[in-house]
């Protein structure tokens, strides 16, 4: 009799664990079919650890657990002739390491950016929407026709050098102008290996500031991600200030460095 009780306890515990190991789908890139639930995975879906998934080639997703932990859901390293991979959700989950506080504020003062390398970073720098204005400190980075910034990168294997527009001490980074050069178009929202130089034409001298991947994020789609997160963290009883901090950290962890004021502006338009 005791054995039946023990087995029943173990089974009920396992079932409770499986049910409690649930996740909320925040973003899906590509096609992932939830075989267990008989539905295509999409933003806002629930996901359980024991769900069987069918991944199309290179598909992945970002999910959040009920404990507010962030995960990437991606295919295990398995070869597949037809590009489809079946995997248990639990085995496809990878915890996302927090990038910490990447706030651009650390490189700024009341007069503008004082350390452009720290501001941009050395990995991904993200612009939310089609453009970004950056005020530069006049003491550290005086801007004029004799002293300005240039971006070096490639479009379709062709080298591109572009002077970055400015007005007084404010730089203006514009997606549409950067993705096109001499009839060539970069069909991507990311400009990889973009080098940032300070250039003085009179002496033909240039100083490398940093090299980054410059990424442009669709503001509407990012807002939908954040709106999907809000009820999840709200149900945990988080106060508004902590919800805002969580959303900001989510953007840093998933996307990388970003102008904090752009994220805060997006969050301000979400009902919390």
C-alpha atoms as a PDB file:
ATOM      1  CA  UNK A   1       0.000   0.000   0.000  1.00  0.00           C
ATOM      2  CA  UNK A   2       2.866   2.325   0.875  1.00  0.00           C
ATOM      3  CA  UNK A   3       4.427   1.708  -2.558  1.00  0.00           C
ATOM      4  CA  UNK A   4       1.200   2.764  -4.303  1.00  0.00           C
ATOM      5  CA  UNK A   5       1.097   5.928  -2.216  1.00  0.00           C
ATOM      6  CA  UNK A   6       4.759   6.679  -2.995  1.00  0.00           C
ATOM      7  CA  UNK A   7       4.340   6.050  -6.739  1.00  0.00           C
ATOM      8  CA  UNK A   8       1.199   8.185  -6.781  1.00  0.00           C
ATOM      9  CA  UNK A   9       3.060  10.964  -5.003  1.00  0.00           C
ATOM     10  CA  UNK A  10       5.943  10.833  -7.496  1.00  0.00           C
ATOM     11  CA  UNK A  11       3.609  10.827 -10.500  1.00  0.00           C
ATOM     12  CA  UNK A  12       1.522  13.700  -9.163  1.00  0.00           C
ATOM     13  CA  UNK A  13       4.701  15.628  -8.432  1.00  0.00           C
ATOM     14  CA  UNK A  14       5.996  15.047 -11.958  1.00  0.00           C
ATOM     15  CA  UNK A  15       2.694  16.158 -13.449  1.00  0.00           C
ATOM     16  CA  UNK A  16       2.673  19.267 -11.277  1.00  0.00           C
ATOM     17  CA  UNK A  17       6.250  20.067 -12.360  1.00  0.00           C
ATOM     18  CA  UNK A  18       5.374  19.658 -16.036  1.00  0.00           C
ATOM     19  CA  UNK A  19       2.342  21.893 -15.643  1.00  0.00           C
ATOM     20  CA  UNK A  20       4.262  24.513 -13.668  1.00  0.00           C
ATOM     21  CA  UNK A  21       7.084  24.594 -16.249  1.00  0.00           C
ATOM     22  CA  UNK A  22       5.180  26.889 -18.548  1.00  0.00           C
ATOM     23  CA  UNK A  23       6.401  29.745 -20.696  1.00  0.00           C
ATOM     24  CA  UNK A  24       4.942  32.687 -22.561  1.00  0.00           C
ATOM     25  CA  UNK A  25       5.922  33.262 -26.186  1.00  0.00           C
ATOM     26  CA  UNK A  26       7.092  36.840 -26.733  1.00  0.00           C
ATOM     27  CA  UNK A  27       8.582  36.723 -30.231  1.00  0.00           C
ATOM     28  CA  UNK A  28       8.808  34.131 -33.010  1.00  0.00           C
ATOM     29  CA  UNK A  29      11.266  34.346 -35.885  1.00  0.00           C
ATOM     30  CA  UNK A  30      10.524  31.836 -38.638  1.00  0.00           C
ATOM     31  CA  UNK A  31       8.107  28.925 -38.322  1.00  0.00           C
ATOM     32  CA  UNK A  32       7.710  26.724 -35.254  1.00  0.00           C
ATOM     33  CA  UNK A  33       4.786  24.306 -35.065  1.00  0.00           C
ATOM     34  CA  UNK A  34       3.646  23.091 -31.648  1.00  0.00           C
ATOM     35  CA  UNK A  35       2.781  19.456 -32.395  1.00  0.00           C
ATOM     36  CA  UNK A  36       1.368  18.841 -28.915  1.00  0.00           C
ATOM     37  CA  UNK A  37      -1.016  21.802 -29.146  1.00  0.00           C
ATOM     38  CA  UNK A  38      -1.635  21.338 -32.907  1.00  0.00           C
ATOM     39  CA  UNK A  39      -0.992  24.985 -33.685  1.00  0.00           C
ATOM     40  CA  UNK A  40       1.583  27.298 -35.197  1.00  0.00           C
ATOM     41  CA  UNK A  41       3.523  29.031 -32.468  1.00  0.00           C
ATOM     42  CA  UNK A  42       2.805  32.749 -32.306  1.00  0.00           C
ATOM     43  CA  UNK A  43       3.260  35.724 -30.016  1.00  0.00           C
ATOM     44  CA  UNK A  44       1.194  35.429 -26.841  1.00  0.00           C
ATOM     45  CA  UNK A  45       0.945  31.611 -26.898  1.00  0.00           C
ATOM     46  CA  UNK A  46       1.601  29.481 -23.841  1.00  0.00           C
ATOM     47  CA  UNK A  47       4.296  26.827 -24.059  1.00  0.00           C
ATOM     48  CA  UNK A  48       4.902  23.845 -21.794  1.00  0.00           C
ATOM     49  CA  UNK A  49       8.173  22.049 -21.111  1.00  0.00           C
ATOM     50  CA  UNK A  50       6.943  18.733 -22.527  1.00  0.00           C
ATOM     51  CA  UNK A  51       5.479  20.168 -25.746  1.00  0.00           C
ATOM     52  CA  UNK A  52       6.861  18.615 -28.925  1.00  0.00           C
ATOM     53  CA  UNK A  53       7.898  21.231 -31.465  1.00  0.00           C
ATOM     54  CA  UNK A  54       8.639  21.177 -35.178  1.00  0.00           C
ATOM     55  CA  UNK A  55      11.225  23.809 -36.138  1.00  0.00           C
ATOM     56  CA  UNK A  56      11.615  25.003 -39.694  1.00  0.00           C
ATOM     57  CA  UNK A  57      15.155  25.889 -40.755  1.00  0.00           C
ATOM     58  CA  UNK A  58      16.773  28.611 -38.583  1.00  0.00           C
ATOM     59  CA  UNK A  59      13.553  29.301 -36.654  1.00  0.00           C
ATOM     60  CA  UNK A  60      13.784  30.549 -33.073  1.00  0.00           C
ATOM     61  CA  UNK A  61      11.671  32.265 -30.438  1.00  0.00           C
ATOM     62  CA  UNK A  62      12.012  34.247 -27.232  1.00  0.00           C
ATOM     63  CA  UNK A  63       9.941  33.148 -24.255  1.00  0.00           C
ATOM     64  CA  UNK A  64       9.518  34.177 -20.629  1.00  0.00           C
ATOM     65  CA  UNK A  65       8.780  31.818 -17.772  1.00  0.00           C
ATOM     66  CA  UNK A  66       6.231  32.499 -15.061  1.00  0.00           C
ATOM     67  CA  UNK A  67       9.245  33.255 -12.865  1.00  0.00           C
ATOM     68  CA  UNK A  68      10.113  36.115 -15.279  1.00  0.00           C
ATOM     69  CA  UNK A  69      13.237  34.390 -16.606  1.00  0.00           C
ATOM     70  CA  UNK A  70      14.057  34.888 -20.292  1.00  0.00           C
ATOM     71  CA  UNK A  71      14.880  32.052 -22.687  1.00  0.00           C
ATOM     72  CA  UNK A  72      15.721  31.548 -26.324  1.00  0.00           C
ATOM     73  CA  UNK A  73      13.897  28.645 -27.940  1.00  0.00           C
ATOM     74  CA  UNK A  74      15.949  27.250 -30.798  1.00  0.00           C
ATOM     75  CA  UNK A  75      16.675  23.995 -32.575  1.00  0.00           C
ATOM     76  CA  UNK A  76      19.191  21.647 -31.010  1.00  0.00           C
ATOM     77  CA  UNK A  77      22.309  21.007 -33.096  1.00  0.00           C
ATOM     78  CA  UNK A  78      20.773  18.202 -35.170  1.00  0.00           C
ATOM     79  CA  UNK A  79      21.175  17.576 -38.891  1.00  0.00           C
ATOM     80  CA  UNK A  80      17.976  17.333 -40.931  1.00  0.00           C
ATOM     81  CA  UNK A  81      17.725  16.549 -44.640  1.00  0.00           C
ATOM     82  CA  UNK A  82      14.459  18.437 -45.183  1.00  0.00           C
ATOM     83  CA  UNK A  83      15.226  21.345 -42.852  1.00  0.00           C
ATOM     84  CA  UNK A  84      12.581  20.319 -40.288  1.00  0.00           C
ATOM     85  CA  UNK A  85      13.691  19.426 -36.771  1.00  0.00           C
ATOM     86  CA  UNK A  86      11.497  17.931 -34.050  1.00  0.00           C
ATOM     87  CA  UNK A  87      12.462  18.622 -30.455  1.00  0.00           C
ATOM     88  CA  UNK A  88      11.017  18.679 -26.972  1.00  0.00           C
ATOM     89  CA  UNK A  89      10.549  22.270 -25.784  1.00  0.00           C
ATOM     90  CA  UNK A  90      12.513  21.664 -22.600  1.00  0.00           C
ATOM     91  CA  UNK A  91      15.568  20.545 -24.603  1.00  0.00           C
ATOM     92  CA  UNK A  92      15.325  23.523 -26.964  1.00  0.00           C
ATOM     93  CA  UNK A  93      15.333  26.176 -24.209  1.00  0.00           C
ATOM     94  CA  UNK A  94      18.502  28.175 -23.538  1.00  0.00           C
ATOM     95  CA  UNK A  95      18.618  30.739 -20.700  1.00  0.00           C
ATOM     96  CA  UNK A  96      19.421  34.262 -21.872  1.00  0.00           C
ATOM     97  CA  UNK A  97      22.297  35.763 -19.959  1.00  0.00           C
ATOM     98  CA  UNK A  98      21.602  39.236 -18.671  1.00  0.00           C
ATOM     99  CA  UNK A  99      23.785  41.898 -20.254  1.00  0.00           C
ATOM    100  CA  UNK A 100      23.488  43.984 -17.106  1.00  0.00           C
ATOM    101  CA  UNK A 101      22.842  47.694 -17.290  1.00  0.00           C
ATOM    102  CA  UNK A 102      23.957  48.744 -20.777  1.00  0.00           C
ATOM    103  CA  UNK A 103      22.415  52.161 -20.323  1.00  0.00           C
ATOM    104  CA  UNK A 104      23.777  54.815 -22.676  1.00  0.00           C
ATOM    105  CA  UNK A 105      23.501  57.266 -19.781  1.00  0.00           C
ATOM    106  CA  UNK A 106      26.955  56.193 -18.571  1.00  0.00           C
ATOM    107  CA  UNK A 107      28.549  57.899 -21.579  1.00  0.00           C
ATOM    108  CA  UNK A 108      26.480  61.083 -21.357  1.00  0.00           C
ATOM    109  CA  UNK A 109      26.337  64.306 -19.416  1.00  0.00           C
ATOM    110  CA  UNK A 110      23.982  67.276 -19.508  1.00  0.00           C
ATOM    111  CA  UNK A 111      25.968  68.607 -22.474  1.00  0.00           C
ATOM    112  CA  UNK A 112      25.752  65.398 -24.521  1.00  0.00           C
ATOM    113  CA  UNK A 113      27.797  62.270 -25.221  1.00  0.00           C
ATOM    114  CA  UNK A 114      31.295  62.517 -23.746  1.00  0.00           C
ATOM    115  CA  UNK A 115      32.489  58.999 -24.646  1.00  0.00           C
ATOM    116  CA  UNK A 116      31.163  57.835 -28.019  1.00  0.00           C
ATOM    117  CA  UNK A 117      32.819  54.401 -27.810  1.00  0.00           C
ATOM    118  CA  UNK A 118      31.136  53.637 -24.498  1.00  0.00           C
ATOM    119  CA  UNK A 119      27.848  54.999 -25.835  1.00  0.00           C
ATOM    120  CA  UNK A 120      27.858  52.793 -28.960  1.00  0.00           C
ATOM    121  CA  UNK A 121      29.618  49.784 -27.450  1.00  0.00           C
ATOM    122  CA  UNK A 122      31.573  47.170 -29.401  1.00  0.00           C
ATOM    123  CA  UNK A 123      28.794  44.766 -30.370  1.00  0.00           C
ATOM    124  CA  UNK A 124      25.234  45.589 -31.457  1.00  0.00           C
ATOM    125  CA  UNK A 125      23.948  49.132 -31.253  1.00  0.00           C
ATOM    126  CA  UNK A 126      20.223  49.418 -31.915  1.00  0.00           C
ATOM    127  CA  UNK A 127      18.133  52.280 -33.230  1.00  0.00           C
ATOM    128  CA  UNK A 128      14.404  52.001 -32.541  1.00  0.00           C
ATOM    129  CA  UNK A 129      12.564  53.239 -35.595  1.00  0.00           C
ATOM    130  CA  UNK A 130      14.073  54.797 -38.730  1.00  0.00           C
ATOM    131  CA  UNK A 131      16.326  57.405 -37.129  1.00  0.00           C
ATOM    132  CA  UNK A 132      18.120  58.585 -34.018  1.00  0.00           C
ATOM    133  CA  UNK A 133      19.431  61.979 -32.933  1.00  0.00           C
ATOM    134  CA  UNK A 134      22.469  62.034 -30.639  1.00  0.00           C
ATOM    135  CA  UNK A 135      23.668  65.192 -28.933  1.00  0.00           C
ATOM    136  CA  UNK A 136      27.463  65.294 -28.669  1.00  0.00           C
ATOM    137  CA  UNK A 137      29.452  67.148 -26.017  1.00  0.00           C
ATOM    138  CA  UNK A 138      31.115  70.139 -27.714  1.00  0.00           C
ATOM    139  CA  UNK A 139      34.221  69.881 -25.567  1.00  0.00           C
ATOM    140  CA  UNK A 140      34.911  66.250 -26.455  1.00  0.00           C
ATOM    141  CA  UNK A 141      33.463  66.129 -29.975  1.00  0.00           C
ATOM    142  CA  UNK A 142      33.202  69.577 -31.585  1.00  0.00           C
ATOM    143  CA  UNK A 143      31.314  69.206 -34.870  1.00  0.00           C
ATOM    144  CA  UNK A 144      31.930  71.317 -37.964  1.00  0.00           C
ATOM    145  CA  UNK A 145      32.628  70.930 -41.674  1.00  0.00           C
ATOM    146  CA  UNK A 146      36.271  70.505 -40.670  1.00  0.00           C
ATOM    147  CA  UNK A 147      35.605  67.925 -37.965  1.00  0.00           C
ATOM    148  CA  UNK A 148      32.857  65.322 -38.278  1.00  0.00           C
ATOM    149  CA  UNK A 149      31.960  61.616 -38.081  1.00  0.00           C
ATOM    150  CA  UNK A 150      32.116  59.101 -40.927  1.00  0.00           C
ATOM    151  CA  UNK A 151      30.687  55.569 -41.092  1.00  0.00           C
ATOM    152  CA  UNK A 152      32.614  52.934 -43.073  1.00  0.00           C
ATOM    153  CA  UNK A 153      30.807  49.704 -44.053  1.00  0.00           C
ATOM    154  CA  UNK A 154      29.934  47.579 -47.093  1.00  0.00           C
ATOM    155  CA  UNK A 155      26.846  47.145 -49.259  1.00  0.00           C
ATOM    156  CA  UNK A 156      26.884  44.094 -51.536  1.00  0.00           C
ATOM    157  CA  UNK A 157      30.687  43.787 -51.132  1.00  0.00           C
ATOM    158  CA  UNK A 158      31.137  47.444 -52.120  1.00  0.00           C
ATOM    159  CA  UNK A 159      32.897  49.737 -49.644  1.00  0.00           C
ATOM    160  CA  UNK A 160      30.843  52.695 -48.464  1.00  0.00           C
ATOM    161  CA  UNK A 161      31.924  55.831 -46.595  1.00  0.00           C
ATOM    162  CA  UNK A 162      29.216  58.198 -45.395  1.00  0.00           C
ATOM    163  CA  UNK A 163      29.490  61.477 -43.572  1.00  0.00           C
ATOM    164  CA  UNK A 164      26.948  61.560 -40.762  1.00  0.00           C
ATOM    165  CA  UNK A 165      24.614  64.525 -40.919  1.00  0.00           C
ATOM    166  CA  UNK A 166      24.602  66.934 -37.991  1.00  0.00           C
ATOM    167  CA  UNK A 167      23.006  70.176 -36.895  1.00  0.00           C
ATOM    168  CA  UNK A 168      25.102  72.159 -34.433  1.00  0.00           C
ATOM    169  CA  UNK A 169      26.116  69.450 -31.951  1.00  0.00           C
ATOM    170  CA  UNK A 170      23.434  66.880 -32.797  1.00  0.00           C
ATOM    171  CA  UNK A 171      24.175  63.853 -34.996  1.00  0.00           C
ATOM    172  CA  UNK A 172      21.377  62.369 -37.074  1.00  0.00           C
ATOM    173  CA  UNK A 173      21.541  58.653 -37.932  1.00  0.00           C
ATOM    174  CA  UNK A 174      19.023  57.845 -40.675  1.00  0.00           C
ATOM    175  CA  UNK A 175      18.236  54.298 -41.782  1.00  0.00           C
ATOM    176  CA  UNK A 176      17.084  55.064 -45.322  1.00  0.00           C
ATOM    177  CA  UNK A 177      20.186  57.094 -46.130  1.00  0.00           C
ATOM    178  CA  UNK A 178      22.582  54.474 -44.788  1.00  0.00           C
ATOM    179  CA  UNK A 179      21.060  51.469 -46.563  1.00  0.00           C
ATOM    180  CA  UNK A 180      21.438  52.989 -50.043  1.00  0.00           C
ATOM    181  CA  UNK A 181      24.634  54.065 -51.805  1.00  0.00           C
ATOM    182  CA  UNK A 182      25.277  54.745 -55.504  1.00  0.00           C
ATOM    183  CA  UNK A 183      22.406  52.543 -56.638  1.00  0.00           C
ATOM    184  CA  UNK A 184      23.254  49.679 -54.271  1.00  0.00           C
ATOM    185  CA  UNK A 185      20.763  48.770 -51.539  1.00  0.00           C
ATOM    186  CA  UNK A 186      21.339  46.755 -48.389  1.00  0.00           C
ATOM    187  CA  UNK A 187      18.222  44.605 -47.933  1.00  0.00           C
ATOM    188  CA  UNK A 188      18.627  44.186 -44.200  1.00  0.00           C
ATOM    189  CA  UNK A 189      17.881  46.036 -40.988  1.00  0.00           C
ATOM    190  CA  UNK A 190      21.433  45.380 -39.781  1.00  0.00           C
ATOM    191  CA  UNK A 191      24.641  46.935 -41.079  1.00  0.00           C
ATOM    192  CA  UNK A 192      27.377  44.545 -39.908  1.00  0.00           C
ATOM    193  CA  UNK A 193      30.919  45.585 -39.051  1.00  0.00           C
ATOM    194  CA  UNK A 194      30.281  49.299 -39.311  1.00  0.00           C
ATOM    195  CA  UNK A 195      33.335  51.358 -38.333  1.00  0.00           C
ATOM    196  CA  UNK A 196      32.858  54.787 -36.764  1.00  0.00           C
ATOM    197  CA  UNK A 197      35.561  57.380 -37.430  1.00  0.00           C
ATOM    198  CA  UNK A 198      36.115  60.995 -36.434  1.00  0.00           C
ATOM    199  CA  UNK A 199      37.479  62.697 -39.558  1.00  0.00           C
ATOM    200  CA  UNK A 200      39.313  65.973 -40.185  1.00  0.00           C
ATOM    201  CA  UNK A 201      39.504  66.610 -43.956  1.00  0.00           C
ATOM    202  CA  UNK A 202      42.055  69.453 -43.753  1.00  0.00           C
ATOM    203  CA  UNK A 203      44.723  67.125 -42.409  1.00  0.00           C
ATOM    204  CA  UNK A 204      43.115  63.985 -43.867  1.00  0.00           C
ATOM    205  CA  UNK A 205      43.385  62.424 -40.431  1.00  0.00           C
ATOM    206  CA  UNK A 206      40.894  59.969 -39.006  1.00  0.00           C
ATOM    207  CA  UNK A 207      40.458  58.382 -35.600  1.00  0.00           C
ATOM    208  CA  UNK A 208      38.683  55.059 -35.152  1.00  0.00           C
ATOM    209  CA  UNK A 209      36.061  55.295 -32.421  1.00  0.00           C
ATOM    210  CA  UNK A 210      34.617  51.759 -32.501  1.00  0.00           C
ATOM    211  CA  UNK A 211      33.225  48.999 -34.724  1.00  0.00           C
ATOM    212  CA  UNK A 212      29.619  47.881 -34.265  1.00  0.00           C
ATOM    213  CA  UNK A 213      26.716  46.115 -35.882  1.00  0.00           C
ATOM    214  CA  UNK A 214      24.226  48.925 -36.437  1.00  0.00           C
ATOM    215  CA  UNK A 215      20.700  47.521 -36.164  1.00  0.00           C
ATOM    216  CA  UNK A 216      17.360  49.184 -36.831  1.00  0.00           C
ATOM    217  CA  UNK A 217      14.403  47.791 -34.867  1.00  0.00           C
ATOM    218  CA  UNK A 218      10.810  48.148 -36.033  1.00  0.00           C
ATOM    219  CA  UNK A 219       9.242  50.262 -33.263  1.00  0.00           C
ATOM    220  CA  UNK A 220       5.743  48.841 -33.795  1.00  0.00           C
ATOM    221  CA  UNK A 221       6.914  45.218 -33.534  1.00  0.00           C
ATOM    222  CA  UNK A 222       9.039  45.927 -30.465  1.00  0.00           C
ATOM    223  CA  UNK A 223       6.092  47.638 -28.796  1.00  0.00           C
ATOM    224  CA  UNK A 224       3.998  44.499 -29.437  1.00  0.00           C
ATOM    225  CA  UNK A 225       6.680  42.420 -27.685  1.00  0.00           C
ATOM    226  CA  UNK A 226       6.642  44.700 -24.657  1.00  0.00           C
ATOM    227  CA  UNK A 227       2.836  44.745 -24.581  1.00  0.00           C
ATOM    228  CA  UNK A 228       2.893  40.922 -24.547  1.00  0.00           C
ATOM    229  CA  UNK A 229       5.199  40.964 -21.527  1.00  0.00           C
ATOM    230  CA  UNK A 230       3.207  43.455 -19.431  1.00  0.00           C
ATOM    231  CA  UNK A 231       0.317  41.176 -18.311  1.00  0.00           C
ATOM    232  CA  UNK A 232       2.814  38.407 -17.482  1.00  0.00           C
ATOM    233  CA  UNK A 233       4.877  40.485 -15.063  1.00  0.00           C
ATOM    234  CA  UNK A 234       1.822  42.404 -13.889  1.00  0.00           C
ATOM    235  CA  UNK A 235       0.229  39.140 -12.736  1.00  0.00           C
ATOM    236  CA  UNK A 236       3.247  38.649 -10.455  1.00  0.00           C
ATOM    237  CA  UNK A 237       2.286  41.793  -8.575  1.00  0.00           C
ATOM    238  CA  UNK A 238       5.171  43.961  -9.777  1.00  0.00           C
ATOM    239  CA  UNK A 239       4.722  47.707  -9.205  1.00  0.00           C
ATOM    240  CA  UNK A 240       4.828  50.012 -12.235  1.00  0.00           C
ATOM    241  CA  UNK A 241       8.435  51.134 -11.686  1.00  0.00           C
ATOM    242  CA  UNK A 242       9.649  47.520 -11.614  1.00  0.00           C
ATOM    243  CA  UNK A 243       7.620  46.675 -14.725  1.00  0.00           C
ATOM    244  CA  UNK A 244       9.303  49.557 -16.555  1.00  0.00           C
ATOM    245  CA  UNK A 245      12.725  48.375 -15.381  1.00  0.00           C
ATOM    246  CA  UNK A 246      11.953  44.807 -16.502  1.00  0.00           C
ATOM    247  CA  UNK A 247      10.878  45.967 -19.982  1.00  0.00           C
ATOM    248  CA  UNK A 248      14.012  48.084 -20.339  1.00  0.00           C
ATOM    249  CA  UNK A 249      16.232  45.182 -19.282  1.00  0.00           C
ATOM    250  CA  UNK A 250      14.398  42.858 -21.705  1.00  0.00           C
ATOM    251  CA  UNK A 251      15.374  45.109 -24.620  1.00  0.00           C
ATOM    252  CA  UNK A 252      19.007  45.220 -23.452  1.00  0.00           C
ATOM    253  CA  UNK A 253      19.158  41.429 -22.941  1.00  0.00           C
ATOM    254  CA  UNK A 254      17.504  40.472 -26.232  1.00  0.00           C
ATOM    255  CA  UNK A 255      18.809  43.142 -28.589  1.00  0.00           C
ATOM    256  CA  UNK A 256      21.919  44.654 -27.009  1.00  0.00           C
ATOM    257  CA  UNK A 257      22.878  48.287 -26.564  1.00  0.00           C
ATOM    258  CA  UNK A 258      20.208  50.861 -27.343  1.00  0.00           C
ATOM    259  CA  UNK A 259      19.482  54.532 -26.689  1.00  0.00           C
ATOM    260  CA  UNK A 260      17.623  54.319 -23.392  1.00  0.00           C
ATOM    261  CA  UNK A 261      15.421  57.342 -24.085  1.00  0.00           C
ATOM    262  CA  UNK A 262      13.992  55.600 -27.175  1.00  0.00           C
ATOM    263  CA  UNK A 263      12.981  52.582 -25.086  1.00  0.00           C
ATOM    264  CA  UNK A 264      11.479  54.778 -22.379  1.00  0.00           C
ATOM    265  CA  UNK A 265       9.480  56.665 -24.995  1.00  0.00           C
ATOM    266  CA  UNK A 266       8.109  53.364 -26.289  1.00  0.00           C
ATOM    267  CA  UNK A 267       7.246  52.192 -22.763  1.00  0.00           C
ATOM    268  CA  UNK A 268       5.475  55.496 -22.073  1.00  0.00           C
ATOM    269  CA  UNK A 269       2.971  54.600 -24.795  1.00  0.00           C
ATOM    270  CA  UNK A 270       2.058  51.273 -23.156  1.00  0.00           C
ATOM    271  CA  UNK A 271      -0.702  50.964 -20.580  1.00  0.00           C
ATOM    272  CA  UNK A 272       0.839  49.607 -17.387  1.00  0.00           C
END
